[in-house]
Amino acid sequence: MNRETALINDRYEAMMFAKSPEGARKAARELVRVVLGEEALRQPLQESLRECCRRLRPSEDPREQARFEAEFVELGIWPDVSQKLVAA
């Protein structure tokens, strides 16, 4: 495994197993930086995460791709407290 792949895997795991929304967002921003570069940090995190997903987990099925992207964004951007209360 090369260095870039190891960095991507580390950042993805940090995002996936984050214990707080802040930790998830920090790991998500680091993943975006590794995959897309510094320029991607200028756009909204949600869109950057979608682009990362398109590169890391592409799918030919548009519905499946949309689901993958939504899951990816959910890992990096936890819902705020009000959204969690509504969902409960």
PDB file of N, CA and C in Angstrom:
ATOM      1  N   MET A   1       0.852  -1.174   0.000  1.00  0.00           N
ATOM      2  CA  MET A   1       0.000   0.000   0.000  1.00  0.00           C
ATOM      3  C   MET A   1       0.896   1.234   0.000  1.00  0.00           C
ATOM      4  N   ASN A   2       0.598   2.165  -0.911  1.00  0.00           N
ATOM      5  CA  ASN A   2       1.426   3.365  -0.964  1.00  0.00           C
ATOM      6  C   ASN A   2       0.996   4.373   0.107  1.00  0.00           C
ATOM      7  N   ARG A   3       1.790   5.390   0.252  1.00  0.00           N
ATOM      8  CA  ARG A   3       1.570   6.389   1.310  1.00  0.00           C
ATOM      9  C   ARG A   3       0.238   7.096   1.168  1.00  0.00           C
ATOM     10  N   GLU A   4      -0.130   7.475  -0.049  1.00  0.00           N
ATOM     11  CA  GLU A   4      -1.392   8.188  -0.258  1.00  0.00           C
ATOM     12  C   GLU A   4      -2.588   7.304   0.112  1.00  0.00           C
ATOM     13  N   THR A   5      -2.556   6.047  -0.280  1.00  0.00           N
ATOM     14  CA  THR A   5      -3.636   5.120   0.053  1.00  0.00           C
ATOM     15  C   THR A   5      -3.740   4.952   1.562  1.00  0.00           C
ATOM     16  N   ALA A   6      -2.605   4.856   2.233  1.00  0.00           N
ATOM     17  CA  ALA A   6      -2.597   4.727   3.691  1.00  0.00           C
ATOM     18  C   ALA A   6      -3.196   5.971   4.346  1.00  0.00           C
ATOM     19  N   LEU A   7      -2.848   7.153   3.846  1.00  0.00           N
ATOM     20  CA  LEU A   7      -3.409   8.397   4.382  1.00  0.00           C
ATOM     21  C   LEU A   7      -4.920   8.445   4.183  1.00  0.00           C
ATOM     22  N   ILE A   8      -5.381   8.069   3.013  1.00  0.00           N
ATOM     23  CA  ILE A   8      -6.822   8.067   2.725  1.00  0.00           C
ATOM     24  C   ILE A   8      -7.539   7.104   3.667  1.00  0.00           C
ATOM     25  N   ASN A   9      -6.999   5.908   3.817  1.00  0.00           N
ATOM     26  CA  ASN A   9      -7.615   4.925   4.712  1.00  0.00           C
ATOM     27  C   ASN A   9      -7.651   5.416   6.152  1.00  0.00           C
ATOM     28  N   ASP A  10      -6.565   6.025   6.618  1.00  0.00           N
ATOM     29  CA  ASP A  10      -6.514   6.549   7.983  1.00  0.00           C
ATOM     30  C   ASP A  10      -7.556   7.642   8.198  1.00  0.00           C
ATOM     31  N   ARG A  11      -7.667   8.568   7.244  1.00  0.00           N
ATOM     32  CA  ARG A  11      -8.622   9.673   7.366  1.00  0.00           C
ATOM     33  C   ARG A  11     -10.061   9.158   7.303  1.00  0.00           C
ATOM     34  N   TYR A  12     -10.306   8.188   6.426  1.00  0.00           N
ATOM     35  CA  TYR A  12     -11.648   7.620   6.308  1.00  0.00           C
ATOM     36  C   TYR A  12     -12.041   6.922   7.613  1.00  0.00           C
ATOM     37  N   GLU A  13     -11.132   6.134   8.169  1.00  0.00           N
ATOM     38  CA  GLU A  13     -11.424   5.452   9.434  1.00  0.00           C
ATOM     39  C   GLU A  13     -11.643   6.446  10.563  1.00  0.00           C
ATOM     40  N   ALA A  14     -10.863   7.515  10.592  1.00  0.00           N
ATOM     41  CA  ALA A  14     -11.050   8.542  11.619  1.00  0.00           C
ATOM     42  C   ALA A  14     -12.428   9.180  11.489  1.00  0.00           C
ATOM     43  N   MET A  15     -12.876   9.404  10.265  1.00  0.00           N
ATOM     44  CA  MET A  15     -14.197   9.990  10.031  1.00  0.00           C
ATOM     45  C   MET A  15     -15.286   8.998  10.442  1.00  0.00           C
ATOM     46  N   MET A  16     -15.095   7.732  10.090  1.00  0.00           N
ATOM     47  CA  MET A  16     -16.101   6.716  10.345  1.00  0.00           C
ATOM     48  C   MET A  16     -16.266   6.439  11.847  1.00  0.00           C
ATOM     49  N   PHE A  17     -15.190   6.483  12.590  1.00  0.00           N
ATOM     50  CA  PHE A  17     -15.242   6.142  14.002  1.00  0.00           C
ATOM     51  C   PHE A  17     -15.135   7.358  14.923  1.00  0.00           C
ATOM     52  N   ALA A  18     -15.390   8.547  14.403  1.00  0.00           N
ATOM     53  CA  ALA A  18     -15.316   9.766  15.216  1.00  0.00           C
ATOM     54  C   ALA A  18     -16.311   9.683  16.367  1.00  0.00           C
ATOM     55  N   LYS A  19     -15.921  10.231  17.484  1.00  0.00           N
ATOM     56  CA  LYS A  19     -16.769  10.190  18.676  1.00  0.00           C
ATOM     57  C   LYS A  19     -17.553  11.483  18.879  1.00  0.00           C
ATOM     58  N   SER A  20     -17.339  12.458  18.006  1.00  0.00           N
ATOM     59  CA  SER A  20     -18.062  13.719  18.118  1.00  0.00           C
ATOM     60  C   SER A  20     -18.243  14.316  16.725  1.00  0.00           C
ATOM     61  N   PRO A  21     -19.217  15.201  16.588  1.00  0.00           N
ATOM     62  CA  PRO A  21     -19.393  15.874  15.290  1.00  0.00           C
ATOM     63  C   PRO A  21     -18.146  16.657  14.875  1.00  0.00           C
ATOM     64  N   GLU A  22     -17.501  17.294  15.844  1.00  0.00           N
ATOM     65  CA  GLU A  22     -16.296  18.062  15.536  1.00  0.00           C
ATOM     66  C   GLU A  22     -15.187  17.151  15.028  1.00  0.00           C
ATOM     67  N   GLY A  23     -15.031  15.990  15.663  1.00  0.00           N
ATOM     68  CA  GLY A  23     -14.022  15.027  15.228  1.00  0.00           C
ATOM     69  C   GLY A  23     -14.316  14.500  13.833  1.00  0.00           C
ATOM     70  N   ALA A  24     -15.590  14.263  13.544  1.00  0.00           N
ATOM     71  CA  ALA A  24     -15.975  13.782  12.215  1.00  0.00           C
ATOM     72  C   ALA A  24     -15.685  14.836  11.154  1.00  0.00           C
ATOM     73  N   ARG A  25     -16.026  16.091  11.446  1.00  0.00           N
ATOM     74  CA  ARG A  25     -15.772  17.167  10.473  1.00  0.00           C
ATOM     75  C   ARG A  25     -14.285  17.387  10.242  1.00  0.00           C
ATOM     76  N   LYS A  26     -13.505  17.299  11.320  1.00  0.00           N
ATOM     77  CA  LYS A  26     -12.051  17.466  11.178  1.00  0.00           C
ATOM     78  C   LYS A  26     -11.480  16.360  10.293  1.00  0.00           C
ATOM     79  N   ALA A  27     -11.875  15.123  10.557  1.00  0.00           N
ATOM     80  CA  ALA A  27     -11.397  13.998   9.744  1.00  0.00           C
ATOM     81  C   ALA A  27     -11.884  14.132   8.306  1.00  0.00           C
ATOM     82  N   ALA A  28     -13.118  14.606   8.123  1.00  0.00           N
ATOM     83  CA  ALA A  28     -13.669  14.795   6.774  1.00  0.00           C
ATOM     84  C   ALA A  28     -12.867  15.840   6.008  1.00  0.00           C
ATOM     85  N   ARG A  29     -12.538  16.959   6.659  1.00  0.00           N
ATOM     86  CA  ARG A  29     -11.740  17.997   5.989  1.00  0.00           C
ATOM     87  C   ARG A  29     -10.356  17.466   5.622  1.00  0.00           C
ATOM     88  N   GLU A  30      -9.759  16.673   6.498  1.00  0.00           N
ATOM     89  CA  GLU A  30      -8.446  16.088   6.205  1.00  0.00           C
ATOM     90  C   GLU A  30      -8.537  15.109   5.035  1.00  0.00           C
ATOM     91  N   LEU A  31      -9.606  14.327   4.992  1.00  0.00           N
ATOM     92  CA  LEU A  31      -9.810  13.401   3.876  1.00  0.00           C
ATOM     93  C   LEU A  31      -9.963  14.169   2.569  1.00  0.00           C
ATOM     94  N   VAL A  32     -10.752  15.232   2.590  1.00  0.00           N
ATOM     95  CA  VAL A  32     -10.944  16.071   1.402  1.00  0.00           C
ATOM     96  C   VAL A  32      -9.600  16.617   0.923  1.00  0.00           C
ATOM     97  N   ARG A  33      -8.796  17.088   1.856  1.00  0.00           N
ATOM     98  CA  ARG A  33      -7.487  17.649   1.494  1.00  0.00           C
ATOM     99  C   ARG A  33      -6.601  16.598   0.835  1.00  0.00           C
ATOM    100  N   VAL A  34      -6.593  15.376   1.363  1.00  0.00           N
ATOM    101  CA  VAL A  34      -5.753  14.317   0.811  1.00  0.00           C
ATOM    102  C   VAL A  34      -6.239  13.893  -0.575  1.00  0.00           C
ATOM    103  N   VAL A  35      -7.555  13.734  -0.728  1.00  0.00           N
ATOM    104  CA  VAL A  35      -8.111  13.226  -1.989  1.00  0.00           C
ATOM    105  C   VAL A  35      -8.188  14.295  -3.060  1.00  0.00           C
ATOM    106  N   LEU A  36      -8.668  15.492  -2.700  1.00  0.00           N
ATOM    107  CA  LEU A  36      -8.945  16.523  -3.702  1.00  0.00           C
ATOM    108  C   LEU A  36      -7.935  17.677  -3.715  1.00  0.00           C
ATOM    109  N   GLY A  37      -7.172  17.815  -2.656  1.00  0.00           N
ATOM    110  CA  GLY A  37      -6.195  18.903  -2.591  1.00  0.00           C
ATOM    111  C   GLY A  37      -6.723  20.095  -1.812  1.00  0.00           C
ATOM    112  N   GLU A  38      -5.839  21.034  -1.585  1.00  0.00           N
ATOM    113  CA  GLU A  38      -6.154  22.225  -0.782  1.00  0.00           C
ATOM    114  C   GLU A  38      -7.298  23.054  -1.367  1.00  0.00           C
ATOM    115  N   GLU A  39      -7.403  23.114  -2.687  1.00  0.00           N
ATOM    116  CA  GLU A  39      -8.437  23.922  -3.333  1.00  0.00           C
ATOM    117  C   GLU A  39      -9.837  23.489  -2.915  1.00  0.00           C
ATOM    118  N   ALA A  40     -10.028  22.205  -2.688  1.00  0.00           N
ATOM    119  CA  ALA A  40     -11.349  21.677  -2.341  1.00  0.00           C
ATOM    120  C   ALA A  40     -11.834  22.186  -0.990  1.00  0.00           C
ATOM    121  N   LEU A  41     -10.918  22.622  -0.142  1.00  0.00           N
ATOM    122  CA  LEU A  41     -11.309  23.124   1.170  1.00  0.00           C
ATOM    123  C   LEU A  41     -12.043  24.461   1.072  1.00  0.00           C
ATOM    124  N   ARG A  42     -12.002  25.085  -0.085  1.00  0.00           N
ATOM    125  CA  ARG A  42     -12.690  26.372  -0.293  1.00  0.00           C
ATOM    126  C   ARG A  42     -14.173  26.195  -0.584  1.00  0.00           C
ATOM    127  N   GLN A  43     -14.577  25.004  -0.993  1.00  0.00           N
ATOM    128  CA  GLN A  43     -15.990  24.774  -1.277  1.00  0.00           C
ATOM    129  C   GLN A  43     -16.662  24.151  -0.047  1.00  0.00           C
ATOM    130  N   PRO A  44     -17.991  24.120  -0.017  1.00  0.00           N
ATOM    131  CA  PRO A  44     -18.677  23.533   1.145  1.00  0.00           C
ATOM    132  C   PRO A  44     -18.236  22.086   1.387  1.00  0.00           C
ATOM    133  N   LEU A  45     -18.114  21.728   2.655  1.00  0.00           N
ATOM    134  CA  LEU A  45     -17.644  20.396   3.023  1.00  0.00           C
ATOM    135  C   LEU A  45     -18.535  19.311   2.433  1.00  0.00           C
ATOM    136  N   GLN A  46     -19.830  19.538   2.435  1.00  0.00           N
ATOM    137  CA  GLN A  46     -20.753  18.538   1.907  1.00  0.00           C
ATOM    138  C   GLN A  46     -20.460  18.232   0.435  1.00  0.00           C
ATOM    139  N   GLU A  47     -20.240  19.257  -0.369  1.00  0.00           N
ATOM    140  CA  GLU A  47     -19.949  19.034  -1.787  1.00  0.00           C
ATOM    141  C   GLU A  47     -18.585  18.374  -1.969  1.00  0.00           C
ATOM    142  N   SER A  48     -17.613  18.774  -1.166  1.00  0.00           N
ATOM    143  CA  SER A  48     -16.287  18.155  -1.241  1.00  0.00           C
ATOM    144  C   SER A  48     -16.349  16.670  -0.905  1.00  0.00           C
ATOM    145  N   LEU A  49     -17.159  16.323   0.087  1.00  0.00           N
ATOM    146  CA  LEU A  49     -17.307  14.917   0.458  1.00  0.00           C
ATOM    147  C   LEU A  49     -17.979  14.120  -0.656  1.00  0.00           C
ATOM    148  N   ARG A  50     -18.950  14.725  -1.321  1.00  0.00           N
ATOM    149  CA  ARG A  50     -19.594  14.044  -2.450  1.00  0.00           C
ATOM    150  C   ARG A  50     -18.573  13.762  -3.559  1.00  0.00           C
ATOM    151  N   GLU A  51     -17.727  14.746  -3.844  1.00  0.00           N
ATOM    152  CA  GLU A  51     -16.700  14.561  -4.869  1.00  0.00           C
ATOM    153  C   GLU A  51     -15.703  13.483  -4.453  1.00  0.00           C
ATOM    154  N   CYS A  52     -15.321  13.465  -3.182  1.00  0.00           N
ATOM    155  CA  CYS A  52     -14.431  12.399  -2.683  1.00  0.00           C
ATOM    156  C   CYS A  52     -15.071  11.040  -2.916  1.00  0.00           C
ATOM    157  N   CYS A  53     -16.342  10.921  -2.598  1.00  0.00           N
ATOM    158  CA  CYS A  53     -17.042   9.656  -2.772  1.00  0.00           C
ATOM    159  C   CYS A  53     -17.050   9.244  -4.240  1.00  0.00           C
ATOM    160  N   ARG A  54     -17.270  10.201  -5.132  1.00  0.00           N
ATOM    161  CA  ARG A  54     -17.273   9.876  -6.565  1.00  0.00           C
ATOM    162  C   ARG A  54     -15.932   9.315  -7.009  1.00  0.00           C
ATOM    163  N   ARG A  55     -14.858   9.783  -6.387  1.00  0.00           N
ATOM    164  CA  ARG A  55     -13.528   9.291  -6.756  1.00  0.00           C
ATOM    165  C   ARG A  55     -13.177   7.984  -6.066  1.00  0.00           C
ATOM    166  N   LEU A  56     -13.571   7.870  -4.806  1.00  0.00           N
ATOM    167  CA  LEU A  56     -13.180   6.696  -4.028  1.00  0.00           C
ATOM    168  C   LEU A  56     -14.133   5.517  -4.197  1.00  0.00           C
ATOM    169  N   ARG A  57     -15.392   5.793  -4.447  1.00  0.00           N
ATOM    170  CA  ARG A  57     -16.390   4.722  -4.543  1.00  0.00           C
ATOM    171  C   ARG A  57     -17.376   5.015  -5.677  1.00  0.00           C
ATOM    172  N   PRO A  58     -16.896   4.999  -6.902  1.00  0.00           N
ATOM    173  CA  PRO A  58     -17.784   5.294  -8.028  1.00  0.00           C
ATOM    174  C   PRO A  58     -18.749   4.137  -8.302  1.00  0.00           C
ATOM    175  N   SER A  59     -19.902   4.490  -8.849  1.00  0.00           N
ATOM    176  CA  SER A  59     -20.888   3.482  -9.233  1.00  0.00           C
ATOM    177  C   SER A  59     -21.506   3.893 -10.561  1.00  0.00           C
ATOM    178  N   GLU A  60     -21.790   2.914 -11.391  1.00  0.00           N
ATOM    179  CA  GLU A  60     -22.436   3.200 -12.668  1.00  0.00           C
ATOM    180  C   GLU A  60     -23.930   3.437 -12.502  1.00  0.00           C
ATOM    181  N   ASP A  61     -24.507   2.949 -11.402  1.00  0.00           N
ATOM    182  CA  ASP A  61     -25.925   3.132 -11.125  1.00  0.00           C
ATOM    183  C   ASP A  61     -26.124   4.467 -10.401  1.00  0.00           C
ATOM    184  N   PRO A  62     -26.832   5.426 -11.009  1.00  0.00           N
ATOM    185  CA  PRO A  62     -27.010   6.744 -10.383  1.00  0.00           C
ATOM    186  C   PRO A  62     -27.685   6.684  -9.002  1.00  0.00           C
ATOM    187  N   ARG A  63     -28.647   5.782  -8.826  1.00  0.00           N
ATOM    188  CA  ARG A  63     -29.310   5.679  -7.514  1.00  0.00           C
ATOM    189  C   ARG A  63     -28.342   5.168  -6.455  1.00  0.00           C
ATOM    190  N   GLU A  64     -27.551   4.181  -6.835  1.00  0.00           N
ATOM    191  CA  GLU A  64     -26.564   3.645  -5.903  1.00  0.00           C
ATOM    192  C   GLU A  64     -25.510   4.700  -5.582  1.00  0.00           C
ATOM    193  N   GLN A  65     -25.084   5.454  -6.583  1.00  0.00           N
ATOM    194  CA  GLN A  65     -24.102   6.515  -6.358  1.00  0.00           C
ATOM    195  C   GLN A  65     -24.654   7.568  -5.412  1.00  0.00           C
ATOM    196  N   ALA A  66     -25.898   7.953  -5.596  1.00  0.00           N
ATOM    197  CA  ALA A  66     -26.524   8.937  -4.703  1.00  0.00           C
ATOM    198  C   ALA A  66     -26.565   8.415  -3.268  1.00  0.00           C
ATOM    199  N   ARG A  67     -26.864   7.133  -3.103  1.00  0.00           N
ATOM    200  CA  ARG A  67     -26.891   6.537  -1.767  1.00  0.00           C
ATOM    201  C   ARG A  67     -25.501   6.528  -1.145  1.00  0.00           C
ATOM    202  N   PHE A  68     -24.493   6.136  -1.937  1.00  0.00           N
ATOM    203  CA  PHE A  68     -23.113   6.143  -1.441  1.00  0.00           C
ATOM    204  C   PHE A  68     -22.712   7.544  -0.985  1.00  0.00           C
ATOM    205  N   GLU A  69     -23.024   8.544  -1.806  1.00  0.00           N
ATOM    206  CA  GLU A  69     -22.661   9.920  -1.474  1.00  0.00           C
ATOM    207  C   GLU A  69     -23.364  10.387  -0.205  1.00  0.00           C
ATOM    208  N   ALA A  70     -24.646  10.066  -0.075  1.00  0.00           N
ATOM    209  CA  ALA A  70     -25.389  10.469   1.126  1.00  0.00           C
ATOM    210  C   ALA A  70     -24.787   9.841   2.383  1.00  0.00           C
ATOM    211  N   GLU A  71     -24.418   8.583   2.300  1.00  0.00           N
ATOM    212  CA  GLU A  71     -23.796   7.908   3.442  1.00  0.00           C
ATOM    213  C   GLU A  71     -22.444   8.531   3.775  1.00  0.00           C
ATOM    214  N   PHE A  72     -21.693   8.861   2.751  1.00  0.00           N
ATOM    215  CA  PHE A  72     -20.372   9.464   2.932  1.00  0.00           C
ATOM    216  C   PHE A  72     -20.504  10.821   3.622  1.00  0.00           C
ATOM    217  N   VAL A  73     -21.449  11.628   3.158  1.00  0.00           N
ATOM    218  CA  VAL A  73     -21.678  12.948   3.748  1.00  0.00           C
ATOM    219  C   VAL A  73     -22.145  12.796   5.191  1.00  0.00           C
ATOM    220  N   GLU A  74     -23.010  11.837   5.440  1.00  0.00           N
ATOM    221  CA  GLU A  74     -23.510  11.626   6.794  1.00  0.00           C
ATOM    222  C   GLU A  74     -22.381  11.293   7.765  1.00  0.00           C
ATOM    223  N   LEU A  75     -21.390  10.541   7.309  1.00  0.00           N
ATOM    224  CA  LEU A  75     -20.244  10.226   8.168  1.00  0.00           C
ATOM    225  C   LEU A  75     -19.461  11.480   8.540  1.00  0.00           C
ATOM    226  N   GLY A  76     -19.303  12.382   7.579  1.00  0.00           N
ATOM    227  CA  GLY A  76     -18.475  13.565   7.802  1.00  0.00           C
ATOM    228  C   GLY A  76     -19.195  14.739   8.418  1.00  0.00           C
ATOM    229  N   ILE A  77     -20.504  14.790   8.235  1.00  0.00           N
ATOM    230  CA  ILE A  77     -21.281  15.922   8.753  1.00  0.00           C
ATOM    231  C   ILE A  77     -22.432  15.360   9.564  1.00  0.00           C
ATOM    232  N   TRP A  78     -22.205  15.207  10.839  1.00  0.00           N
ATOM    233  CA  TRP A  78     -23.246  14.694  11.711  1.00  0.00           C
ATOM    234  C   TRP A  78     -24.379  15.697  11.774  1.00  0.00           C
ATOM    235  N   PRO A  79     -25.606  15.210  11.931  1.00  0.00           N
ATOM    236  CA  PRO A  79     -26.725  16.149  12.092  1.00  0.00           C
ATOM    237  C   PRO A  79     -26.582  16.929  13.379  1.00  0.00           C
ATOM    238  N   ASP A  80     -27.130  18.132  13.375  1.00  0.00           N
ATOM    239  CA  ASP A  80     -27.054  18.913  14.606  1.00  0.00           C
ATOM    240  C   ASP A  80     -28.103  18.386  15.605  1.00  0.00           C
ATOM    241  N   VAL A  81     -28.072  18.895  16.798  1.00  0.00           N
ATOM    242  CA  VAL A  81     -28.911  18.391  17.880  1.00  0.00           C
ATOM    243  C   VAL A  81     -30.388  18.454  17.515  1.00  0.00           C
ATOM    244  N   SER A  82     -30.842  19.529  16.887  1.00  0.00           N
ATOM    245  CA  SER A  82     -32.256  19.661  16.567  1.00  0.00           C
ATOM    246  C   SER A  82     -32.685  18.577  15.579  1.00  0.00           C
ATOM    247  N   GLN A  83     -31.829  18.235  14.630  1.00  0.00           N
ATOM    248  CA  GLN A  83     -32.163  17.169  13.679  1.00  0.00           C
ATOM    249  C   GLN A  83     -32.225  15.819  14.387  1.00  0.00           C
ATOM    250  N   LYS A  84     -31.342  15.594  15.371  1.00  0.00           N
ATOM    251  CA  LYS A  84     -31.362  14.329  16.107  1.00  0.00           C
ATOM    252  C   LYS A  84     -32.652  14.208  16.925  1.00  0.00           C
ATOM    253  N   LEU A  85     -33.111  15.314  17.517  1.00  0.00           N
ATOM    254  CA  LEU A  85     -34.331  15.268  18.301  1.00  0.00           C
ATOM    255  C   LEU A  85     -35.542  14.983  17.427  1.00  0.00           C
ATOM    256  N   VAL A  86     -35.588  15.557  16.239  1.00  0.00           N
ATOM    257  CA  VAL A  86     -36.700  15.315  15.325  1.00  0.00           C
ATOM    258  C   VAL A  86     -36.715  13.876  14.880  1.00  0.00           C
ATOM    259  N   ALA A  87     -35.550  13.304  14.654  1.00  0.00           N
ATOM    260  CA  ALA A  87     -35.447  11.926  14.175  1.00  0.00           C
ATOM    261  C   ALA A  87     -35.802  10.909  15.262  1.00  0.00           C
ATOM    262  N   ALA A  88     -35.671  11.294  16.517  1.00  0.00           N
ATOM    263  CA  ALA A  88     -35.905  10.348  17.613  1.00  0.00           C
ATOM    264  C   ALA A  88     -37.376  10.069  17.869  1.00  0.00           C
TER     265      ALA A  88
END
